[in-house]
C-alpha atoms as a PDB file:
ATOM      1  CA  MET A   1     213.827 -74.590  38.661  1.00  0.00           C
ATOM      2  CA  PRO A   2     216.930 -72.353  38.413  1.00  0.00           C
ATOM      3  CA  ALA A   3     217.616 -69.772  41.074  1.00  0.00           C
ATOM      4  CA  PRO A   4     216.793 -66.133  40.255  1.00  0.00           C
ATOM      5  CA  ALA A   5     219.680 -64.083  38.903  1.00  0.00           C
ATOM      6  CA  GLY A   6     221.941 -62.809  41.641  1.00  0.00           C
ATOM      7  CA  VAL A   7     220.719 -65.324  44.226  1.00  0.00           C
ATOM      8  CA  ALA A   8     223.413 -67.703  45.415  1.00  0.00           C
ATOM      9  CA  LEU A   9     222.418 -71.263  46.187  1.00  0.00           C
ATOM     10  CA  GLU A  10     223.760 -72.616  49.447  1.00  0.00           C
ATOM     11  CA  THR A  11     225.454 -75.957  48.934  1.00  0.00           C
ATOM     12  CA  PRO A  12     224.196 -78.475  51.485  1.00  0.00           C
ATOM     13  CA  PRO A  13     226.952 -79.915  53.666  1.00  0.00           C
ATOM     14  CA  THR A  14     228.377 -83.326  52.901  1.00  0.00           C
ATOM     15  CA  LEU A  15     227.957 -86.024  55.537  1.00  0.00           C
ATOM     16  CA  ALA A  16     231.579 -85.570  56.591  1.00  0.00           C
ATOM     17  CA  GLU A  17     231.066 -81.811  56.966  1.00  0.00           C
ATOM     18  CA  TRP A  18     227.869 -82.326  58.953  1.00  0.00           C
ATOM     19  CA  VAL A  19     229.530 -84.789  61.324  1.00  0.00           C
ATOM     20  CA  ASP A  20     232.525 -82.468  61.774  1.00  0.00           C
ATOM     21  CA  SER A  21     230.215 -79.557  62.559  1.00  0.00           C
ATOM     22  CA  ARG A  22     228.057 -81.613  64.941  1.00  0.00           C
ATOM     23  CA  LEU A  23     231.064 -83.000  66.809  1.00  0.00           C
ATOM     24  CA  ARG A  24     232.688 -79.577  67.071  1.00  0.00           C
ATOM     25  CA  ALA A  25     229.468 -78.028  68.383  1.00  0.00           C
ATOM     26  CA  ALA A  26     229.092 -80.787  70.977  1.00  0.00           C
ATOM     27  CA  ILE A  27     232.626 -80.166  72.232  1.00  0.00           C
ATOM     28  CA  LEU A  28     232.359 -76.373  72.234  1.00  0.00           C
ATOM     29  CA  SER A  29     229.039 -76.414  74.090  1.00  0.00           C
ATOM     30  CA  GLY A  30     230.259 -78.841  76.740  1.00  0.00           C
ATOM     31  CA  GLU A  31     227.761 -81.493  75.619  1.00  0.00           C
ATOM     32  CA  LEU A  32     230.896 -83.627  75.281  1.00  0.00           C
ATOM     33  CA  ALA A  33     232.995 -82.636  78.279  1.00  0.00           C
ATOM     34  CA  ALA A  34     236.752 -82.216  78.432  1.00  0.00           C
ATOM     35  CA  GLY A  35     238.357 -85.609  79.001  1.00  0.00           C
ATOM     36  CA  GLU A  36     235.230 -87.539  78.005  1.00  0.00           C
ATOM     37  CA  LYS A  37     235.768 -90.732  76.014  1.00  0.00           C
ATOM     38  CA  LEU A  38     234.388 -90.577  72.478  1.00  0.00           C
ATOM     39  CA  ARG A  39     232.530 -93.754  71.533  1.00  0.00           C
ATOM     40  CA  SER A  40     231.892 -93.750  67.805  1.00  0.00           C
ATOM     41  CA  GLU A  41     229.207 -96.449  67.906  1.00  0.00           C
ATOM     42  CA  HIS A  42     227.236 -94.629  70.616  1.00  0.00           C
ATOM     43  CA  LEU A  43     227.441 -91.244  68.879  1.00  0.00           C
ATOM     44  CA  ALA A  44     226.653 -92.833  65.501  1.00  0.00           C
ATOM     45  CA  ALA A  45     223.428 -94.293  66.875  1.00  0.00           C
ATOM     46  CA  GLU A  46     222.497 -91.027  68.586  1.00  0.00           C
ATOM     47  CA  TRP A  47     223.171 -88.858  65.524  1.00  0.00           C
ATOM     48  CA  GLY A  48     221.877 -91.280  62.901  1.00  0.00           C
ATOM     49  CA  VAL A  49     225.133 -91.816  61.021  1.00  0.00           C
ATOM     50  CA  SER A  50     227.606 -94.655  60.623  1.00  0.00           C
ATOM     51  CA  PRO A  51     230.708 -94.847  62.842  1.00  0.00           C
ATOM     52  CA  THR A  52     233.097 -94.313  59.904  1.00  0.00           C
ATOM     53  CA  PRO A  53     232.589 -90.533  59.391  1.00  0.00           C
ATOM     54  CA  LEU A  54     232.762 -90.088  63.159  1.00  0.00           C
ATOM     55  CA  ARG A  55     236.135 -91.813  63.350  1.00  0.00           C
ATOM     56  CA  GLU A  56     237.320 -89.611  60.488  1.00  0.00           C
ATOM     57  CA  ALA A  57     236.062 -86.537  62.364  1.00  0.00           C
ATOM     58  CA  PHE A  58     237.972 -87.650  65.467  1.00  0.00           C
ATOM     59  CA  GLN A  59     241.144 -87.661  63.374  1.00  0.00           C
ATOM     60  CA  ARG A  60     240.484 -84.220  61.898  1.00  0.00           C
ATOM     61  CA  LEU A  61     239.708 -82.606  65.253  1.00  0.00           C
ATOM     62  CA  ALA A  62     242.732 -84.333  66.748  1.00  0.00           C
ATOM     63  CA  GLY A  63     244.758 -82.318  64.234  1.00  0.00           C
ATOM     64  CA  GLU A  64     243.319 -79.153  65.805  1.00  0.00           C
ATOM     65  CA  GLY A  65     244.041 -80.303  69.351  1.00  0.00           C
ATOM     66  CA  MET A  66     240.379 -80.670  70.315  1.00  0.00           C
ATOM     67  CA  VAL A  67     240.469 -84.466  70.409  1.00  0.00           C
ATOM     68  CA  VAL A  68     243.179 -86.821  71.697  1.00  0.00           C
ATOM     69  CA  ILE A  69     243.637 -90.265  70.152  1.00  0.00           C
ATOM     70  CA  GLU A  70     245.667 -92.767  72.156  1.00  0.00           C
ATOM     71  CA  PRO A  71     246.766 -96.239  70.981  1.00  0.00           C
ATOM     72  CA  GLN A  72     244.665 -99.014  72.494  1.00  0.00           C
ATOM     73  CA  ARG A  73     242.550 -96.467  74.367  1.00  0.00           C
ATOM     74  CA  GLY A  74     240.647 -94.734  71.587  1.00  0.00           C
ATOM     75  CA  ALA A  75     239.592 -91.094  71.352  1.00  0.00           C
ATOM     76  CA  ARG A  76     238.586 -88.596  74.001  1.00  0.00           C
ATOM     77  CA  VAL A  77     237.872 -84.883  74.182  1.00  0.00           C
ATOM     78  CA  ALA A  78     241.099 -83.059  74.918  1.00  0.00           C
ATOM     79  CA  ALA A  79     241.481 -81.659  78.411  1.00  0.00           C
ATOM     80  CA  ILE A  80     242.158 -77.965  78.844  1.00  0.00           C
ATOM     81  CA  ASP A  81     243.519 -76.178  81.873  1.00  0.00           C
ATOM     82  CA  ALA A  82     244.285 -72.604  82.846  1.00  0.00           C
ATOM     83  CA  THR A  83     247.916 -72.794  81.740  1.00  0.00           C
ATOM     84  CA  GLU A  84     246.935 -73.985  78.275  1.00  0.00           C
ATOM     85  CA  ALA A  85     244.124 -71.436  78.084  1.00  0.00           C
ATOM     86  CA  ALA A  86     246.596 -68.647  78.890  1.00  0.00           C
ATOM     87  CA  GLU A  87     248.753 -69.772  75.974  1.00  0.00           C
ATOM     88  CA  TYR A  88     245.769 -69.617  73.633  1.00  0.00           C
ATOM     89  CA  TYR A  89     244.823 -66.149  74.872  1.00  0.00           C
ATOM     90  CA  GLU A  90     248.402 -64.940  74.407  1.00  0.00           C
ATOM     91  CA  LEU A  91     248.198 -66.021  70.770  1.00  0.00           C
ATOM     92  CA  ARG A  92     244.808 -64.378  70.341  1.00  0.00           C
ATOM     93  CA  LEU A  93     246.218 -61.174  71.774  1.00  0.00           C
ATOM     94  CA  LEU A  94     248.781 -61.185  68.969  1.00  0.00           C
ATOM     95  CA  LEU A  95     246.591 -62.368  66.107  1.00  0.00           C
ATOM     96  CA  ASP A  96     243.015 -61.131  66.686  1.00  0.00           C
ATOM     97  CA  PRO A  97     243.839 -57.379  66.380  1.00  0.00           C
ATOM     98  CA  ARG A  98     245.861 -58.020  63.227  1.00  0.00           C
ATOM     99  CA  ALA A  99     243.022 -60.011  61.680  1.00  0.00           C
ATOM    100  CA  LEU A 100     240.566 -57.267  62.684  1.00  0.00           C
ATOM    101  CA  ARG A 101     242.609 -54.551  60.975  1.00  0.00           C
ATOM    102  CA  SER A 102     242.818 -56.678  57.841  1.00  0.00           C
ATOM    103  CA  SER A 103     239.078 -57.365  57.912  1.00  0.00           C
ATOM    104  CA  MET A 104     238.202 -53.690  58.313  1.00  0.00           C
ATOM    105  CA  ALA A 105     240.657 -52.589  55.614  1.00  0.00           C
ATOM    106  CA  ALA A 106     239.122 -55.063  53.172  1.00  0.00           C
ATOM    107  CA  HIS A 107     235.652 -53.614  53.803  1.00  0.00           C
ATOM    108  CA  ALA A 108     236.460 -49.941  54.152  1.00  0.00           C
ATOM    109  CA  ARG A 109     234.233 -48.730  51.335  1.00  0.00           C
ATOM    110  CA  GLY A 110     231.705 -49.703  48.689  1.00  0.00           C
ATOM    111  CA  THR A 111     229.026 -52.383  48.789  1.00  0.00           C
ATOM    112  CA  SER A 112     231.249 -54.782  50.731  1.00  0.00           C
ATOM    113  CA  ALA A 113     231.479 -52.202  53.537  1.00  0.00           C
ATOM    114  CA  ALA A 114     227.691 -52.171  53.911  1.00  0.00           C
ATOM    115  CA  ALA A 115     227.521 -55.971  53.894  1.00  0.00           C
ATOM    116  CA  PHE A 116     230.280 -56.165  56.504  1.00  0.00           C
ATOM    117  CA  ARG A 117     228.533 -53.690  58.791  1.00  0.00           C
ATOM    118  CA  ASP A 118     225.235 -55.552  58.376  1.00  0.00           C
ATOM    119  CA  SER A 119     226.927 -58.803  59.378  1.00  0.00           C
ATOM    120  CA  VAL A 120     228.596 -57.227  62.412  1.00  0.00           C
ATOM    121  CA  HIS A 121     225.347 -55.555  63.434  1.00  0.00           C
ATOM    122  CA  ALA A 122     223.399 -58.819  63.201  1.00  0.00           C
ATOM    123  CA  ALA A 123     226.021 -60.594  65.311  1.00  0.00           C
ATOM    124  CA  TYR A 124     225.962 -57.795  67.895  1.00  0.00           C
ATOM    125  CA  VAL A 125     222.164 -57.932  68.153  1.00  0.00           C
ATOM    126  CA  LEU A 126     222.420 -61.641  68.951  1.00  0.00           C
ATOM    127  CA  LEU A 127     225.202 -60.989  71.466  1.00  0.00           C
ATOM    128  CA  THR A 128     223.190 -58.388  73.362  1.00  0.00           C
ATOM    129  CA  GLY A 129     219.976 -60.424  73.360  1.00  0.00           C
ATOM    130  CA  ARG A 130     218.776 -62.783  76.061  1.00  0.00           C
ATOM    131  CA  HIS A 131     220.501 -66.158  76.450  1.00  0.00           C
ATOM    132  CA  ARG A 132     219.037 -69.103  78.312  1.00  0.00           C
ATOM    133  CA  THR A 133     222.335 -70.824  79.051  1.00  0.00           C
ATOM    134  CA  VAL A 134     226.027 -69.988  79.333  1.00  0.00           C
ATOM    135  CA  PRO A 135     226.885 -72.141  76.280  1.00  0.00           C
ATOM    136  CA  ALA A 136     224.216 -70.268  74.283  1.00  0.00           C
ATOM    137  CA  TYR A 137     225.812 -66.945  75.238  1.00  0.00           C
ATOM    138  CA  LEU A 138     229.305 -68.186  74.453  1.00  0.00           C
ATOM    139  CA  ASP A 139     228.136 -69.351  71.027  1.00  0.00           C
ATOM    140  CA  VAL A 140     226.877 -65.897  70.037  1.00  0.00           C
ATOM    141  CA  HIS A 141     229.926 -64.322  71.717  1.00  0.00           C
ATOM    142  CA  ARG A 142     232.149 -66.396  69.420  1.00  0.00           C
ATOM    143  CA  GLY A 143     229.921 -65.453  66.481  1.00  0.00           C
ATOM    144  CA  PHE A 144     230.324 -61.733  67.196  1.00  0.00           C
ATOM    145  CA  HIS A 145     234.102 -61.890  67.413  1.00  0.00           C
ATOM    146  CA  LEU A 146     234.400 -63.989  64.270  1.00  0.00           C
ATOM    147  CA  ALA A 147     232.034 -61.688  62.356  1.00  0.00           C
ATOM    148  CA  LEU A 148     234.504 -58.875  63.045  1.00  0.00           C
ATOM    149  CA  LEU A 149     237.371 -60.912  61.626  1.00  0.00           C
ATOM    150  CA  ALA A 150     235.605 -62.706  58.769  1.00  0.00           C
ATOM    151  CA  GLY A 151     236.903 -60.311  56.115  1.00  0.00           C
ATOM    152  CA  CYS A 152     240.551 -60.941  56.968  1.00  0.00           C
ATOM    153  CA  THR A 153     242.341 -61.323  53.639  1.00  0.00           C
ATOM    154  CA  ASN A 154     244.923 -63.748  55.059  1.00  0.00           C
ATOM    155  CA  ARG A 155     242.837 -66.904  55.154  1.00  0.00           C
ATOM    156  CA  GLN A 156     245.508 -68.888  56.995  1.00  0.00           C
ATOM    157  CA  LEU A 157     245.481 -66.234  59.702  1.00  0.00           C
ATOM    158  CA  TYR A 158     241.692 -66.356  59.874  1.00  0.00           C
ATOM    159  CA  ARG A 159     241.617 -70.159  60.138  1.00  0.00           C
ATOM    160  CA  THR A 160     244.203 -70.036  62.910  1.00  0.00           C
ATOM    161  CA  VAL A 161     242.183 -67.441  64.812  1.00  0.00           C
ATOM    162  CA  VAL A 162     239.018 -69.545  64.490  1.00  0.00           C
ATOM    163  CA  GLN A 163     240.815 -72.506  66.056  1.00  0.00           C
ATOM    164  CA  LEU A 164     242.095 -70.321  68.896  1.00  0.00           C
ATOM    165  CA  HIS A 165     238.560 -69.055  69.540  1.00  0.00           C
ATOM    166  CA  ASP A 166     237.333 -72.643  69.717  1.00  0.00           C
ATOM    167  CA  HIS A 167     239.940 -73.555  72.318  1.00  0.00           C
ATOM    168  CA  THR A 168     239.255 -70.504  74.485  1.00  0.00           C
ATOM    169  CA  GLN A 169     235.502 -71.130  74.273  1.00  0.00           C
ATOM    170  CA  ARG A 170     236.075 -74.652  75.613  1.00  0.00           C
ATOM    171  CA  PHE A 171     237.835 -73.129  78.610  1.00  0.00           C
ATOM    172  CA  GLN A 172     235.018 -70.630  79.160  1.00  0.00           C
ATOM    173  CA  VAL A 173     232.225 -73.194  78.917  1.00  0.00           C
ATOM    174  CA  SER A 174     233.966 -75.452  81.435  1.00  0.00           C
ATOM    175  CA  GLY A 175     233.232 -72.871  84.125  1.00  0.00           C
ATOM    176  CA  ALA A 176     236.913 -72.596  84.972  1.00  0.00           C
ATOM    177  CA  GLY A 177     237.135 -68.884  84.243  1.00  0.00           C
ATOM    178  CA  ALA A 178     238.297 -66.339  86.768  1.00  0.00           C
ATOM    179  CA  GLN A 179     236.925 -62.956  87.724  1.00  0.00           C
ATOM    180  CA  ARG A 180     238.230 -60.355  85.314  1.00  0.00           C
ATOM    181  CA  ARG A 181     238.523 -56.608  85.606  1.00  0.00           C
ATOM    182  CA  GLY A 182     236.399 -54.319  83.494  1.00  0.00           C
ATOM    183  CA  ASP A 183     232.957 -54.751  81.972  1.00  0.00           C
ATOM    184  CA  PRO A 184     232.905 -57.156  79.003  1.00  0.00           C
ATOM    185  CA  ALA A 185     229.514 -55.843  77.823  1.00  0.00           C
ATOM    186  CA  ALA A 186     230.825 -52.265  77.740  1.00  0.00           C
ATOM    187  CA  GLU A 187     233.956 -53.450  75.956  1.00  0.00           C
ATOM    188  CA  HIS A 188     231.867 -55.217  73.324  1.00  0.00           C
ATOM    189  CA  ALA A 189     229.784 -52.062  72.864  1.00  0.00           C
ATOM    190  CA  GLU A 190     232.913 -49.938  72.422  1.00  0.00           C
ATOM    191  CA  LEU A 191     234.326 -52.457  69.955  1.00  0.00           C
ATOM    192  CA  TYR A 192     231.075 -52.509  67.997  1.00  0.00           C
ATOM    193  CA  ASP A 193     230.922 -48.707  67.862  1.00  0.00           C
ATOM    194  CA  ALA A 194     234.520 -48.438  66.660  1.00  0.00           C
ATOM    195  CA  VAL A 195     234.027 -51.021  63.920  1.00  0.00           C
ATOM    196  CA  MET A 196     230.754 -49.480  62.733  1.00  0.00           C
ATOM    197  CA  ALA A 197     232.472 -46.066  62.616  1.00  0.00           C
ATOM    198  CA  GLY A 198     235.308 -47.536  60.556  1.00  0.00           C
ATOM    199  CA  ASP A 199     237.896 -46.541  63.167  1.00  0.00           C
ATOM    200  CA  ALA A 200     240.369 -49.418  62.842  1.00  0.00           C
ATOM    201  CA  ARG A 201     242.881 -47.971  65.310  1.00  0.00           C
ATOM    202  CA  ARG A 202     240.280 -47.604  68.083  1.00  0.00           C
ATOM    203  CA  ALA A 203     238.768 -50.996  67.279  1.00  0.00           C
ATOM    204  CA  ALA A 204     242.131 -52.774  67.468  1.00  0.00           C
ATOM    205  CA  ALA A 205     243.041 -50.987  70.707  1.00  0.00           C
ATOM    206  CA  THR A 206     239.682 -51.898  72.266  1.00  0.00           C
ATOM    207  CA  LEU A 207     240.008 -55.523  71.202  1.00  0.00           C
ATOM    208  CA  THR A 208     243.546 -55.657  72.587  1.00  0.00           C
ATOM    209  CA  ALA A 209     242.411 -54.304  75.965  1.00  0.00           C
ATOM    210  CA  HIS A 210     239.442 -56.702  75.990  1.00  0.00           C
ATOM    211  CA  LEU A 211     241.649 -59.732  75.396  1.00  0.00           C
ATOM    212  CA  GLN A 212     244.340 -58.530  77.805  1.00  0.00           C
ATOM    213  CA  ALA A 213     241.809 -58.291  80.643  1.00  0.00           C
ATOM    214  CA  THR A 214     240.755 -61.880  80.013  1.00  0.00           C
ATOM    215  CA  LEU A 215     244.345 -63.081  79.727  1.00  0.00           C
ATOM    216  CA  ASP A 216     245.223 -61.381  83.026  1.00  0.00           C
ATOM    217  CA  ALA A 217     242.353 -63.220  84.723  1.00  0.00           C
ATOM    218  CA  VAL A 218     243.443 -66.570  83.299  1.00  0.00           C
ATOM    219  CA  LEU A 219     247.085 -65.948  84.275  1.00  0.00           C
ATOM    220  CA  ALA A 220     245.906 -65.280  87.826  1.00  0.00           C
ATOM    221  CA  LEU A 221     244.476 -68.804  87.856  1.00  0.00           C
ATOM    222  CA  THR A 222     247.757 -70.326  86.712  1.00  0.00           C
ATOM    223  CA  ARG A 223     249.582 -68.571  89.574  1.00  0.00           C
ATOM    224  CA  GLY A 224     247.149 -69.967  92.085  1.00  0.00           C
END
């Protein structure tokens, strides 16, 4: 039966896409810990797939720096330390505000503006809800930040930012974070208010300050 007019059908993921998504989620949540050896046969049995798409996923995530493949030793989840995390946050400090301004400019008016605000609002509701675990919170935290940037018209920039978010989330979920100044919840609220009001300058400034506070905390770790 055809879909009603105006209703988009969601294409189910291919097996390769599903395995990529499952492996990424396991790494981001800490289910597969930093440095852990990746055994394709074991994961294949656990996830109900063959080892081949898993090995292919190892290669793809190795290209993003989330997996390390060593000759004669196989694949493992890439380690991440405070120095590396600081480098990722420095890049986010440069790129996230730019992507945010682009996203807001692309949805400044018309029906796309309403859809953008609805998406941001839904992500913020999830962010400010109750979370049973730290990984669960970090997942919706990532979702909120990426909802803000999803309308970025430079898709290469957006893809780069998504990868940077993944790397910084791995650092956060490891429990290696430092005490930071400020109130992240208040910063998120200010960022949400600025975006919903369409104030790109205030939103970018708030996001910059939010990321700088986190970067400062991570840099303090690298200095011992």
